[in-house]
């Protein structure tokens, strides 16, 4: 240290370099270093605040978005019914000991309830009976046959009936021979069968009643000589209006529905925010008004008894405070 001081004294005996060169450079360097540190700390703090706000905004945005998606999904599954229902129909002769003594027609009752109602109230449905019938001579001789359906409620007090005629599709003997020759290999190996699928539209626009919901349908074929392999009851919904758009254009409907929910949720959030802010402002005004009303004011001493003038004089506020309070009340429009 002494050697360093001695060298500085020899090199700069009048302290000109130290006072006018080294000291200003050192001070400038320290100031720049402190300014850089301050800006760095402020930048770090600002970056933390920005990241925190960004995280909060992203979380709120995702919450609102998922809320919109959940609302649309809930609306879709509660508003849209199941498109199609398929029920097997096991037609049989009731109370028959033998086929020769049977005097009834093939009948079966199909239950249309599971844990809840299959049919949605107010939604039109198309109800069709599909029959797989062999191209046999007996079916050809039967010709036209009638299929009836009766819709029953739980107590079987209210019913809706519909009957439709149907038959096998006609094919000439020449067409049958050509078809049999061409498709003979498939018939032999069991890939094709000589049968037809006949669809009978029992109801084309059936709507369930809310007062008497349908729980079962009774199917009857009014022919004792008819032959068939299987029978199935198809119930399909006929969509119209909003349901038609949501079923045929699901992606576009989902985008529009989610965007609409998002818009209304944002509107509700903004209105709630401003309502809360206004309510807080009103509360502050009310508190301030209560403070003003409860503040005692000076009364003229001439109107008081001499014994009370001294105590009132000690408890009154200054004239300047009273003027400030009066002016504040006039500004708020709350002065009585």
C-alpha atoms as a PDB file:
ATOM      1  CA  UNK A   1       0.000   0.000   0.000  1.00  0.00           C
ATOM      2  CA  UNK A   2       2.805   2.458   0.898  1.00  0.00           C
ATOM      3  CA  UNK A   3       4.684   1.543  -2.272  1.00  0.00           C
ATOM      4  CA  UNK A   4       1.564   2.180  -4.344  1.00  0.00           C
ATOM      5  CA  UNK A   5       0.971   5.539  -2.686  1.00  0.00           C
ATOM      6  CA  UNK A   6       4.603   6.464  -3.255  1.00  0.00           C
ATOM      7  CA  UNK A   7       4.342   5.615  -6.966  1.00  0.00           C
ATOM      8  CA  UNK A   8       1.132   7.666  -7.336  1.00  0.00           C
ATOM      9  CA  UNK A   9       2.838  10.609  -5.590  1.00  0.00           C
ATOM     10  CA  UNK A  10       5.849  10.374  -7.896  1.00  0.00           C
ATOM     11  CA  UNK A  11       3.741  10.000 -11.060  1.00  0.00           C
ATOM     12  CA  UNK A  12       1.094  12.582 -10.101  1.00  0.00           C
ATOM     13  CA  UNK A  13       2.516  14.939  -7.450  1.00  0.00           C
ATOM     14  CA  UNK A  14      -0.231  17.580  -7.966  1.00  0.00           C
ATOM     15  CA  UNK A  15      -3.156  15.028  -8.104  1.00  0.00           C
ATOM     16  CA  UNK A  16      -4.227  16.319 -11.482  1.00  0.00           C
ATOM     17  CA  UNK A  17      -4.571  12.888 -13.108  1.00  0.00           C
ATOM     18  CA  UNK A  18      -6.317  11.445 -10.054  1.00  0.00           C
ATOM     19  CA  UNK A  19      -8.803  14.278  -9.647  1.00  0.00           C
ATOM     20  CA  UNK A  20      -9.596  14.991 -13.284  1.00  0.00           C
ATOM     21  CA  UNK A  21      -9.129  11.616 -14.981  1.00  0.00           C
ATOM     22  CA  UNK A  22      -9.142   8.585 -12.704  1.00  0.00           C
ATOM     23  CA  UNK A  23     -11.786   9.750 -10.241  1.00  0.00           C
ATOM     24  CA  UNK A  24     -14.344  10.793 -12.920  1.00  0.00           C
ATOM     25  CA  UNK A  25     -13.766   7.487 -14.739  1.00  0.00           C
ATOM     26  CA  UNK A  26     -14.242   5.502 -11.525  1.00  0.00           C
ATOM     27  CA  UNK A  27     -17.396   7.422 -10.573  1.00  0.00           C
ATOM     28  CA  UNK A  28     -18.794   7.033 -14.079  1.00  0.00           C
ATOM     29  CA  UNK A  29     -18.079   3.312 -14.026  1.00  0.00           C
ATOM     30  CA  UNK A  30     -19.739   2.852 -10.642  1.00  0.00           C
ATOM     31  CA  UNK A  31     -22.793   4.848 -11.769  1.00  0.00           C
ATOM     32  CA  UNK A  32     -23.082   2.825 -14.967  1.00  0.00           C
ATOM     33  CA  UNK A  33     -22.713  -0.428 -13.057  1.00  0.00           C
ATOM     34  CA  UNK A  34     -25.403   0.587 -10.564  1.00  0.00           C
ATOM     35  CA  UNK A  35     -27.711   1.729 -13.378  1.00  0.00           C
ATOM     36  CA  UNK A  36     -27.181  -1.538 -15.220  1.00  0.00           C
ATOM     37  CA  UNK A  37     -27.895  -3.500 -12.055  1.00  0.00           C
ATOM     38  CA  UNK A  38     -31.026  -1.470 -11.387  1.00  0.00           C
ATOM     39  CA  UNK A  39     -32.290  -1.973 -14.926  1.00  0.00           C
ATOM     40  CA  UNK A  40     -31.427  -5.669 -14.741  1.00  0.00           C
ATOM     41  CA  UNK A  41     -33.321  -6.095 -11.459  1.00  0.00           C
ATOM     42  CA  UNK A  42     -36.253  -4.092 -12.851  1.00  0.00           C
ATOM     43  CA  UNK A  43     -36.182  -6.174 -16.036  1.00  0.00           C
ATOM     44  CA  UNK A  44     -36.154  -9.411 -14.059  1.00  0.00           C
ATOM     45  CA  UNK A  45     -39.023  -8.210 -11.894  1.00  0.00           C
ATOM     46  CA  UNK A  46     -40.929  -6.995 -14.959  1.00  0.00           C
ATOM     47  CA  UNK A  47     -40.304 -10.317 -16.701  1.00  0.00           C
ATOM     48  CA  UNK A  48     -41.583 -12.208 -13.664  1.00  0.00           C
ATOM     49  CA  UNK A  49     -44.722 -10.069 -13.600  1.00  0.00           C
ATOM     50  CA  UNK A  50     -45.257 -10.564 -17.319  1.00  0.00           C
ATOM     51  CA  UNK A  51     -44.803 -14.329 -17.051  1.00  0.00           C
ATOM     52  CA  UNK A  52     -47.114 -14.491 -14.027  1.00  0.00           C
ATOM     53  CA  UNK A  53     -49.798 -12.466 -15.791  1.00  0.00           C
ATOM     54  CA  UNK A  54     -49.371 -14.571 -18.893  1.00  0.00           C
ATOM     55  CA  UNK A  55     -49.798 -17.793 -16.896  1.00  0.00           C
ATOM     56  CA  UNK A  56     -52.917 -16.426 -15.176  1.00  0.00           C
ATOM     57  CA  UNK A  57     -54.368 -15.264 -18.511  1.00  0.00           C
ATOM     58  CA  UNK A  58     -53.671 -18.658 -20.121  1.00  0.00           C
ATOM     59  CA  UNK A  59     -55.274 -20.528 -17.210  1.00  0.00           C
ATOM     60  CA  UNK A  60     -58.343 -18.292 -17.291  1.00  0.00           C
ATOM     61  CA  UNK A  61     -58.568 -18.616 -21.076  1.00  0.00           C
ATOM     62  CA  UNK A  62     -58.335 -22.420 -20.937  1.00  0.00           C
ATOM     63  CA  UNK A  63     -60.931 -22.529 -18.149  1.00  0.00           C
ATOM     64  CA  UNK A  64     -63.369 -20.425 -20.178  1.00  0.00           C
ATOM     65  CA  UNK A  65     -62.679 -22.468 -23.310  1.00  0.00           C
ATOM     66  CA  UNK A  66     -63.243 -25.805 -21.557  1.00  0.00           C
ATOM     67  CA  UNK A  67     -66.372 -24.421 -19.919  1.00  0.00           C
ATOM     68  CA  UNK A  68     -67.689 -23.493 -23.375  1.00  0.00           C
ATOM     69  CA  UNK A  69     -66.849 -26.953 -24.745  1.00  0.00           C
ATOM     70  CA  UNK A  70     -68.480 -28.676 -21.753  1.00  0.00           C
ATOM     71  CA  UNK A  71     -71.640 -26.558 -22.111  1.00  0.00           C
ATOM     72  CA  UNK A  72     -71.938 -27.400 -25.814  1.00  0.00           C
ATOM     73  CA  UNK A  73     -71.290 -31.104 -25.192  1.00  0.00           C
ATOM     74  CA  UNK A  74     -73.900 -31.189 -22.431  1.00  0.00           C
ATOM     75  CA  UNK A  75     -76.408 -29.388 -24.678  1.00  0.00           C
ATOM     76  CA  UNK A  76     -75.656 -31.735 -27.576  1.00  0.00           C
ATOM     77  CA  UNK A  77     -76.160 -34.972 -25.620  1.00  0.00           C
ATOM     78  CA  UNK A  78     -79.269 -33.672 -23.848  1.00  0.00           C
ATOM     79  CA  UNK A  79     -80.854 -32.135 -26.966  1.00  0.00           C
ATOM     80  CA  UNK A  80     -79.928 -34.709 -29.629  1.00  0.00           C
ATOM     81  CA  UNK A  81     -81.713 -38.057 -29.388  1.00  0.00           C
ATOM     82  CA  UNK A  82     -80.229 -41.382 -30.450  1.00  0.00           C
ATOM     83  CA  UNK A  83     -80.318 -41.583 -34.225  1.00  0.00           C
ATOM     84  CA  UNK A  84     -81.446 -45.191 -34.579  1.00  0.00           C
ATOM     85  CA  UNK A  85     -82.704 -48.106 -32.497  1.00  0.00           C
ATOM     86  CA  UNK A  86     -82.864 -51.713 -33.704  1.00  0.00           C
ATOM     87  CA  UNK A  87     -84.992 -54.320 -31.915  1.00  0.00           C
ATOM     88  CA  UNK A  88     -85.316 -57.978 -32.813  1.00  0.00           C
ATOM     89  CA  UNK A  89     -88.902 -59.138 -33.295  1.00  0.00           C
ATOM     90  CA  UNK A  90     -89.618 -62.749 -32.404  1.00  0.00           C
ATOM     91  CA  UNK A  91     -92.954 -63.392 -34.086  1.00  0.00           C
ATOM     92  CA  UNK A  92     -94.838 -66.430 -32.900  1.00  0.00           C
ATOM     93  CA  UNK A  93     -98.306 -67.976 -32.806  1.00  0.00           C
ATOM     94  CA  UNK A  94     -99.780 -67.445 -29.391  1.00  0.00           C
ATOM     95  CA  UNK A  95    -101.738 -70.097 -27.514  1.00  0.00           C
ATOM     96  CA  UNK A  96    -101.255 -72.657 -30.258  1.00  0.00           C
ATOM     97  CA  UNK A  97    -100.698 -76.364 -29.615  1.00  0.00           C
ATOM     98  CA  UNK A  98    -100.062 -77.254 -33.231  1.00  0.00           C
ATOM     99  CA  UNK A  99     -99.829 -75.371 -36.502  1.00  0.00           C
ATOM    100  CA  UNK A 100    -103.013 -76.969 -37.898  1.00  0.00           C
ATOM    101  CA  UNK A 101    -105.103 -75.874 -34.912  1.00  0.00           C
ATOM    102  CA  UNK A 102    -103.632 -72.345 -34.875  1.00  0.00           C
ATOM    103  CA  UNK A 103    -106.162 -69.624 -35.575  1.00  0.00           C
ATOM    104  CA  UNK A 104    -104.048 -66.614 -34.658  1.00  0.00           C
ATOM    105  CA  UNK A 105    -101.428 -64.594 -36.536  1.00  0.00           C
ATOM    106  CA  UNK A 106     -97.697 -64.196 -35.840  1.00  0.00           C
ATOM    107  CA  UNK A 107     -97.419 -61.645 -33.041  1.00  0.00           C
ATOM    108  CA  UNK A 108     -94.748 -60.235 -30.738  1.00  0.00           C
ATOM    109  CA  UNK A 109     -94.501 -57.378 -28.245  1.00  0.00           C
ATOM    110  CA  UNK A 110     -91.305 -55.310 -28.345  1.00  0.00           C
ATOM    111  CA  UNK A 111     -90.347 -53.386 -25.206  1.00  0.00           C
ATOM    112  CA  UNK A 112     -89.176 -49.818 -25.915  1.00  0.00           C
ATOM    113  CA  UNK A 113     -87.862 -48.953 -22.472  1.00  0.00           C
ATOM    114  CA  UNK A 114     -84.517 -49.694 -20.872  1.00  0.00           C
ATOM    115  CA  UNK A 115     -83.280 -47.554 -17.985  1.00  0.00           C
ATOM    116  CA  UNK A 116     -85.132 -44.647 -19.566  1.00  0.00           C
ATOM    117  CA  UNK A 117     -87.462 -43.905 -22.443  1.00  0.00           C
ATOM    118  CA  UNK A 118     -86.013 -44.696 -25.880  1.00  0.00           C
ATOM    119  CA  UNK A 119     -88.255 -42.240 -27.697  1.00  0.00           C
ATOM    120  CA  UNK A 120     -87.788 -38.518 -27.033  1.00  0.00           C
ATOM    121  CA  UNK A 121     -90.927 -36.461 -26.605  1.00  0.00           C
ATOM    122  CA  UNK A 122     -91.504 -34.024 -29.455  1.00  0.00           C
ATOM    123  CA  UNK A 123     -89.109 -35.773 -31.838  1.00  0.00           C
ATOM    124  CA  UNK A 124     -90.690 -37.423 -34.930  1.00  0.00           C
ATOM    125  CA  UNK A 125     -89.609 -40.991 -35.657  1.00  0.00           C
ATOM    126  CA  UNK A 126     -89.852 -43.379 -38.572  1.00  0.00           C
ATOM    127  CA  UNK A 127     -90.727 -46.932 -37.512  1.00  0.00           C
ATOM    128  CA  UNK A 128     -90.024 -49.721 -40.019  1.00  0.00           C
ATOM    129  CA  UNK A 129     -90.313 -53.507 -39.864  1.00  0.00           C
ATOM    130  CA  UNK A 130     -87.671 -55.339 -41.908  1.00  0.00           C
ATOM    131  CA  UNK A 131     -88.504 -58.917 -42.912  1.00  0.00           C
ATOM    132  CA  UNK A 132     -86.137 -61.424 -44.488  1.00  0.00           C
ATOM    133  CA  UNK A 133     -88.406 -63.621 -46.584  1.00  0.00           C
ATOM    134  CA  UNK A 134     -87.471 -66.608 -48.777  1.00  0.00           C
ATOM    135  CA  UNK A 135     -88.519 -66.560 -52.421  1.00  0.00           C
ATOM    136  CA  UNK A 136     -90.614 -69.663 -51.911  1.00  0.00           C
ATOM    137  CA  UNK A 137     -93.715 -70.741 -53.786  1.00  0.00           C
ATOM    138  CA  UNK A 138     -95.831 -70.326 -50.657  1.00  0.00           C
ATOM    139  CA  UNK A 139     -94.790 -66.712 -50.217  1.00  0.00           C
ATOM    140  CA  UNK A 140     -95.462 -66.147 -53.898  1.00  0.00           C
ATOM    141  CA  UNK A 141     -98.940 -67.592 -53.524  1.00  0.00           C
ATOM    142  CA  UNK A 142     -99.594 -65.531 -50.388  1.00  0.00           C
ATOM    143  CA  UNK A 143     -99.127 -62.301 -52.317  1.00  0.00           C
ATOM    144  CA  UNK A 144    -100.157 -59.242 -50.310  1.00  0.00           C
ATOM    145  CA  UNK A 145    -100.054 -59.402 -46.530  1.00  0.00           C
ATOM    146  CA  UNK A 146    -100.818 -56.870 -43.809  1.00  0.00           C
ATOM    147  CA  UNK A 147     -98.497 -55.810 -41.006  1.00  0.00           C
ATOM    148  CA  UNK A 148    -100.005 -53.952 -38.015  1.00  0.00           C
ATOM    149  CA  UNK A 149     -98.280 -52.127 -35.184  1.00  0.00           C
ATOM    150  CA  UNK A 150     -99.947 -50.925 -31.984  1.00  0.00           C
ATOM    151  CA  UNK A 151     -98.063 -48.499 -29.695  1.00  0.00           C
ATOM    152  CA  UNK A 152     -98.968 -48.997 -26.014  1.00  0.00           C
ATOM    153  CA  UNK A 153     -98.206 -46.880 -22.963  1.00  0.00           C
ATOM    154  CA  UNK A 154     -97.360 -48.295 -19.528  1.00  0.00           C
ATOM    155  CA  UNK A 155    -100.975 -48.877 -18.488  1.00  0.00           C
ATOM    156  CA  UNK A 156    -102.078 -49.922 -21.995  1.00  0.00           C
ATOM    157  CA  UNK A 157    -104.826 -47.296 -21.785  1.00  0.00           C
ATOM    158  CA  UNK A 158    -103.649 -45.193 -24.704  1.00  0.00           C
ATOM    159  CA  UNK A 159    -102.600 -46.755 -28.006  1.00  0.00           C
ATOM    160  CA  UNK A 160    -101.803 -45.750 -31.579  1.00  0.00           C
ATOM    161  CA  UNK A 161    -102.362 -48.273 -34.372  1.00  0.00           C
ATOM    162  CA  UNK A 162    -101.041 -48.450 -37.899  1.00  0.00           C
ATOM    163  CA  UNK A 163    -101.455 -51.152 -40.578  1.00  0.00           C
ATOM    164  CA  UNK A 164     -99.555 -51.396 -43.857  1.00  0.00           C
ATOM    165  CA  UNK A 165     -99.716 -53.743 -46.863  1.00  0.00           C
ATOM    166  CA  UNK A 166     -96.626 -55.303 -48.407  1.00  0.00           C
ATOM    167  CA  UNK A 167     -95.408 -58.213 -50.539  1.00  0.00           C
ATOM    168  CA  UNK A 168     -92.323 -59.734 -52.122  1.00  0.00           C
ATOM    169  CA  UNK A 169     -90.831 -57.928 -55.091  1.00  0.00           C
ATOM    170  CA  UNK A 170     -92.070 -59.503 -58.299  1.00  0.00           C
ATOM    171  CA  UNK A 171     -89.624 -61.440 -60.468  1.00  0.00           C
ATOM    172  CA  UNK A 172     -90.594 -63.241 -63.633  1.00  0.00           C
ATOM    173  CA  UNK A 173     -89.740 -66.887 -64.219  1.00  0.00           C
ATOM    174  CA  UNK A 174     -87.154 -65.941 -66.868  1.00  0.00           C
ATOM    175  CA  UNK A 175     -85.411 -63.487 -64.487  1.00  0.00           C
ATOM    176  CA  UNK A 176     -85.406 -66.103 -61.732  1.00  0.00           C
ATOM    177  CA  UNK A 177     -83.833 -68.672 -64.062  1.00  0.00           C
ATOM    178  CA  UNK A 178     -81.102 -66.281 -65.278  1.00  0.00           C
ATOM    179  CA  UNK A 179     -80.319 -65.153 -61.740  1.00  0.00           C
ATOM    180  CA  UNK A 180     -80.156 -68.733 -60.500  1.00  0.00           C
ATOM    181  CA  UNK A 181     -77.778 -69.773 -63.295  1.00  0.00           C
ATOM    182  CA  UNK A 182     -75.476 -66.750 -62.872  1.00  0.00           C
ATOM    183  CA  UNK A 183     -75.329 -66.941 -59.080  1.00  0.00           C
ATOM    184  CA  UNK A 184     -75.334 -70.749 -58.864  1.00  0.00           C
ATOM    185  CA  UNK A 185     -71.750 -70.993 -57.471  1.00  0.00           C
ATOM    186  CA  UNK A 186     -72.578 -68.495 -54.740  1.00  0.00           C
ATOM    187  CA  UNK A 187     -75.778 -70.332 -53.922  1.00  0.00           C
ATOM    188  CA  UNK A 188     -73.925 -73.627 -53.740  1.00  0.00           C
ATOM    189  CA  UNK A 189     -71.210 -72.381 -51.350  1.00  0.00           C
ATOM    190  CA  UNK A 190     -73.681 -70.427 -49.208  1.00  0.00           C
ATOM    191  CA  UNK A 191     -72.540 -66.899 -50.064  1.00  0.00           C
ATOM    192  CA  UNK A 192     -75.977 -66.011 -51.448  1.00  0.00           C
ATOM    193  CA  UNK A 193     -79.520 -67.081 -50.613  1.00  0.00           C
ATOM    194  CA  UNK A 194     -82.760 -66.937 -52.501  1.00  0.00           C
ATOM    195  CA  UNK A 195     -84.375 -64.419 -50.217  1.00  0.00           C
ATOM    196  CA  UNK A 196     -85.529 -60.813 -50.189  1.00  0.00           C
ATOM    197  CA  UNK A 197     -85.502 -58.085 -47.580  1.00  0.00           C
ATOM    198  CA  UNK A 198     -88.924 -56.445 -47.345  1.00  0.00           C
ATOM    199  CA  UNK A 199     -89.264 -53.132 -45.469  1.00  0.00           C
ATOM    200  CA  UNK A 200     -92.678 -52.106 -44.188  1.00  0.00           C
ATOM    201  CA  UNK A 201     -93.048 -48.483 -43.046  1.00  0.00           C
ATOM    202  CA  UNK A 202     -95.395 -48.684 -40.096  1.00  0.00           C
ATOM    203  CA  UNK A 203     -95.057 -45.044 -38.972  1.00  0.00           C
ATOM    204  CA  UNK A 204     -93.381 -42.334 -41.036  1.00  0.00           C
ATOM    205  CA  UNK A 205     -93.873 -39.439 -38.581  1.00  0.00           C
ATOM    206  CA  UNK A 206     -94.574 -40.780 -35.098  1.00  0.00           C
ATOM    207  CA  UNK A 207     -94.245 -38.439 -32.096  1.00  0.00           C
ATOM    208  CA  UNK A 208     -94.371 -39.709 -28.563  1.00  0.00           C
ATOM    209  CA  UNK A 209     -96.778 -38.142 -26.081  1.00  0.00           C
ATOM    210  CA  UNK A 210     -95.551 -36.683 -22.822  1.00  0.00           C
ATOM    211  CA  UNK A 211     -98.795 -37.570 -21.033  1.00  0.00           C
ATOM    212  CA  UNK A 212     -98.793 -41.169 -22.324  1.00  0.00           C
ATOM    213  CA  UNK A 213     -95.221 -42.178 -23.238  1.00  0.00           C
ATOM    214  CA  UNK A 214     -94.903 -45.314 -25.327  1.00  0.00           C
ATOM    215  CA  UNK A 215     -93.352 -48.293 -23.558  1.00  0.00           C
ATOM    216  CA  UNK A 216     -94.017 -51.161 -26.005  1.00  0.00           C
ATOM    217  CA  UNK A 217     -95.113 -51.875 -29.557  1.00  0.00           C
ATOM    218  CA  UNK A 218     -97.120 -54.912 -30.609  1.00  0.00           C
ATOM    219  CA  UNK A 219     -96.297 -56.279 -34.078  1.00  0.00           C
ATOM    220  CA  UNK A 220     -98.759 -58.565 -35.878  1.00  0.00           C
ATOM    221  CA  UNK A 221     -98.633 -60.023 -39.394  1.00  0.00           C
ATOM    222  CA  UNK A 222    -102.166 -60.757 -40.575  1.00  0.00           C
ATOM    223  CA  UNK A 223    -101.280 -63.869 -42.521  1.00  0.00           C
ATOM    224  CA  UNK A 224    -100.991 -67.435 -41.257  1.00  0.00           C
ATOM    225  CA  UNK A 225     -99.188 -68.710 -44.348  1.00  0.00           C
ATOM    226  CA  UNK A 226     -96.360 -66.174 -44.510  1.00  0.00           C
ATOM    227  CA  UNK A 227     -92.780 -67.449 -44.287  1.00  0.00           C
ATOM    228  CA  UNK A 228     -89.816 -65.376 -43.061  1.00  0.00           C
ATOM    229  CA  UNK A 229     -86.355 -65.874 -41.603  1.00  0.00           C
ATOM    230  CA  UNK A 230     -85.909 -62.894 -39.297  1.00  0.00           C
ATOM    231  CA  UNK A 231     -87.752 -59.727 -38.377  1.00  0.00           C
ATOM    232  CA  UNK A 232     -86.285 -56.503 -37.013  1.00  0.00           C
ATOM    233  CA  UNK A 233     -87.914 -53.277 -35.890  1.00  0.00           C
ATOM    234  CA  UNK A 234     -85.983 -50.153 -36.916  1.00  0.00           C
ATOM    235  CA  UNK A 235     -86.726 -46.842 -35.200  1.00  0.00           C
ATOM    236  CA  UNK A 236     -84.910 -43.885 -36.762  1.00  0.00           C
ATOM    237  CA  UNK A 237     -85.242 -40.201 -35.893  1.00  0.00           C
ATOM    238  CA  UNK A 238     -86.368 -37.737 -38.548  1.00  0.00           C
ATOM    239  CA  UNK A 239     -84.321 -34.641 -37.769  1.00  0.00           C
ATOM    240  CA  UNK A 240     -85.398 -31.149 -38.756  1.00  0.00           C
ATOM    241  CA  UNK A 241     -84.377 -27.618 -37.918  1.00  0.00           C
ATOM    242  CA  UNK A 242     -81.513 -27.272 -35.437  1.00  0.00           C
ATOM    243  CA  UNK A 243     -81.211 -31.023 -34.894  1.00  0.00           C
ATOM    244  CA  UNK A 244     -80.842 -31.526 -38.663  1.00  0.00           C
ATOM    245  CA  UNK A 245     -77.985 -28.989 -38.793  1.00  0.00           C
ATOM    246  CA  UNK A 246     -76.252 -30.440 -35.720  1.00  0.00           C
ATOM    247  CA  UNK A 247     -76.466 -33.989 -37.100  1.00  0.00           C
ATOM    248  CA  UNK A 248     -75.425 -33.312 -40.708  1.00  0.00           C
ATOM    249  CA  UNK A 249     -72.795 -30.620 -40.000  1.00  0.00           C
ATOM    250  CA  UNK A 250     -71.395 -31.571 -36.582  1.00  0.00           C
ATOM    251  CA  UNK A 251     -68.034 -29.767 -36.882  1.00  0.00           C
ATOM    252  CA  UNK A 252     -69.527 -26.472 -38.075  1.00  0.00           C
ATOM    253  CA  UNK A 253     -72.242 -26.692 -35.420  1.00  0.00           C
ATOM    254  CA  UNK A 254     -69.652 -27.393 -32.715  1.00  0.00           C
ATOM    255  CA  UNK A 255     -67.513 -24.407 -33.758  1.00  0.00           C
ATOM    256  CA  UNK A 256     -70.508 -22.057 -33.818  1.00  0.00           C
ATOM    257  CA  UNK A 257     -71.887 -23.394 -30.519  1.00  0.00           C
ATOM    258  CA  UNK A 258     -68.555 -23.206 -28.671  1.00  0.00           C
ATOM    259  CA  UNK A 259     -67.872 -19.701 -30.045  1.00  0.00           C
ATOM    260  CA  UNK A 260     -71.335 -18.550 -28.946  1.00  0.00           C
ATOM    261  CA  UNK A 261     -70.846 -19.974 -25.437  1.00  0.00           C
ATOM    262  CA  UNK A 262     -67.410 -18.363 -25.248  1.00  0.00           C
ATOM    263  CA  UNK A 263     -68.824 -14.981 -26.268  1.00  0.00           C
ATOM    264  CA  UNK A 264     -71.600 -15.055 -23.671  1.00  0.00           C
ATOM    265  CA  UNK A 265     -69.256 -16.288 -20.918  1.00  0.00           C
ATOM    266  CA  UNK A 266     -66.868 -13.412 -21.634  1.00  0.00           C
ATOM    267  CA  UNK A 267     -69.768 -10.940 -21.586  1.00  0.00           C
ATOM    268  CA  UNK A 268     -70.948 -12.303 -18.227  1.00  0.00           C
ATOM    269  CA  UNK A 269     -67.406 -12.127 -16.798  1.00  0.00           C
ATOM    270  CA  UNK A 270     -66.960  -8.522 -17.938  1.00  0.00           C
ATOM    271  CA  UNK A 271     -70.353  -7.457 -16.585  1.00  0.00           C
ATOM    272  CA  UNK A 272     -69.624  -9.219 -13.294  1.00  0.00           C
ATOM    273  CA  UNK A 273     -66.255  -7.470 -13.053  1.00  0.00           C
ATOM    274  CA  UNK A 274     -67.708  -4.004 -13.677  1.00  0.00           C
ATOM    275  CA  UNK A 275     -70.632  -4.707 -11.362  1.00  0.00           C
ATOM    276  CA  UNK A 276     -68.233  -5.686  -8.582  1.00  0.00           C
ATOM    277  CA  UNK A 277     -66.119  -2.577  -9.201  1.00  0.00           C
ATOM    278  CA  UNK A 278     -69.175  -0.313  -9.150  1.00  0.00           C
ATOM    279  CA  UNK A 279     -70.474  -1.978  -5.999  1.00  0.00           C
ATOM    280  CA  UNK A 280     -67.158  -1.358  -4.266  1.00  0.00           C
ATOM    281  CA  UNK A 281     -67.219   2.296  -5.326  1.00  0.00           C
ATOM    282  CA  UNK A 282     -70.761   2.701  -4.028  1.00  0.00           C
ATOM    283  CA  UNK A 283     -69.781   1.086  -0.741  1.00  0.00           C
ATOM    284  CA  UNK A 284     -66.927   3.539  -0.304  1.00  0.00           C
ATOM    285  CA  UNK A 285     -69.246   6.467  -0.995  1.00  0.00           C
ATOM    286  CA  UNK A 286     -71.763   5.190   1.536  1.00  0.00           C
ATOM    287  CA  UNK A 287     -69.074   4.748   4.204  1.00  0.00           C
ATOM    288  CA  UNK A 288     -67.810   8.247   3.556  1.00  0.00           C
ATOM    289  CA  UNK A 289     -71.330   9.636   3.747  1.00  0.00           C
ATOM    290  CA  UNK A 290     -71.934   7.904   7.083  1.00  0.00           C
ATOM    291  CA  UNK A 291     -68.735   9.458   8.424  1.00  0.00           C
ATOM    292  CA  UNK A 292     -69.912  12.892   7.284  1.00  0.00           C
ATOM    293  CA  UNK A 293     -73.375  12.470   8.788  1.00  0.00           C
ATOM    294  CA  UNK A 294     -72.008  11.309  12.138  1.00  0.00           C
ATOM    295  CA  UNK A 295     -69.508  14.214  12.388  1.00  0.00           C
ATOM    296  CA  UNK A 296     -70.805  16.777  14.978  1.00  0.00           C
ATOM    297  CA  UNK A 297     -71.280  20.336  13.715  1.00  0.00           C
ATOM    298  CA  UNK A 298     -70.995  23.595  15.625  1.00  0.00           C
ATOM    299  CA  UNK A 299     -74.202  25.276  16.756  1.00  0.00           C
ATOM    300  CA  UNK A 300     -74.579  28.925  17.716  1.00  0.00           C
ATOM    301  CA  UNK A 301     -73.751  29.467  21.388  1.00  0.00           C
ATOM    302  CA  UNK A 302     -76.559  31.936  21.810  1.00  0.00           C
ATOM    303  CA  UNK A 303     -79.115  29.105  21.422  1.00  0.00           C
ATOM    304  CA  UNK A 304     -77.577  26.978  24.207  1.00  0.00           C
ATOM    305  CA  UNK A 305     -77.737  27.343  27.987  1.00  0.00           C
ATOM    306  CA  UNK A 306     -74.640  28.941  29.560  1.00  0.00           C
ATOM    307  CA  UNK A 307     -73.766  25.692  31.345  1.00  0.00           C
ATOM    308  CA  UNK A 308     -73.453  23.755  28.020  1.00  0.00           C
ATOM    309  CA  UNK A 309     -71.682  26.385  25.918  1.00  0.00           C
ATOM    310  CA  UNK A 310     -68.236  25.475  27.279  1.00  0.00           C
ATOM    311  CA  UNK A 311     -68.571  21.695  26.609  1.00  0.00           C
ATOM    312  CA  UNK A 312     -69.932  22.259  23.098  1.00  0.00           C
ATOM    313  CA  UNK A 313     -67.092  24.669  22.349  1.00  0.00           C
ATOM    314  CA  UNK A 314     -64.516  22.020  23.357  1.00  0.00           C
ATOM    315  CA  UNK A 315     -66.090  19.255  21.179  1.00  0.00           C
ATOM    316  CA  UNK A 316     -66.743  21.130  17.950  1.00  0.00           C
ATOM    317  CA  UNK A 317     -64.474  20.867  14.956  1.00  0.00           C
ATOM    318  CA  UNK A 318     -62.575  23.694  13.458  1.00  0.00           C
ATOM    319  CA  UNK A 319     -64.214  26.020  10.947  1.00  0.00           C
ATOM    320  CA  UNK A 320     -61.941  24.830   8.161  1.00  0.00           C
ATOM    321  CA  UNK A 321     -62.940  21.175   8.666  1.00  0.00           C
ATOM    322  CA  UNK A 322     -66.626  22.050   8.620  1.00  0.00           C
ATOM    323  CA  UNK A 323     -66.184  23.939   5.372  1.00  0.00           C
ATOM    324  CA  UNK A 324     -64.295  21.028   3.824  1.00  0.00           C
ATOM    325  CA  UNK A 325     -67.021  18.578   4.859  1.00  0.00           C
ATOM    326  CA  UNK A 326     -69.762  20.837   3.518  1.00  0.00           C
ATOM    327  CA  UNK A 327     -67.971  21.257   0.202  1.00  0.00           C
ATOM    328  CA  UNK A 328     -67.443  17.462  -0.062  1.00  0.00           C
ATOM    329  CA  UNK A 329     -71.142  16.886   0.560  1.00  0.00           C
ATOM    330  CA  UNK A 330     -72.047  19.446  -2.084  1.00  0.00           C
ATOM    331  CA  UNK A 331     -69.752  17.744  -4.615  1.00  0.00           C
ATOM    332  CA  UNK A 332     -71.367  14.348  -3.978  1.00  0.00           C
ATOM    333  CA  UNK A 333     -74.874  15.813  -4.013  1.00  0.00           C
ATOM    334  CA  UNK A 334     -75.553  14.242  -0.632  1.00  0.00           C
ATOM    335  CA  UNK A 335     -76.147  17.343   1.437  1.00  0.00           C
ATOM    336  CA  UNK A 336     -79.514  17.345   3.081  1.00  0.00           C
END
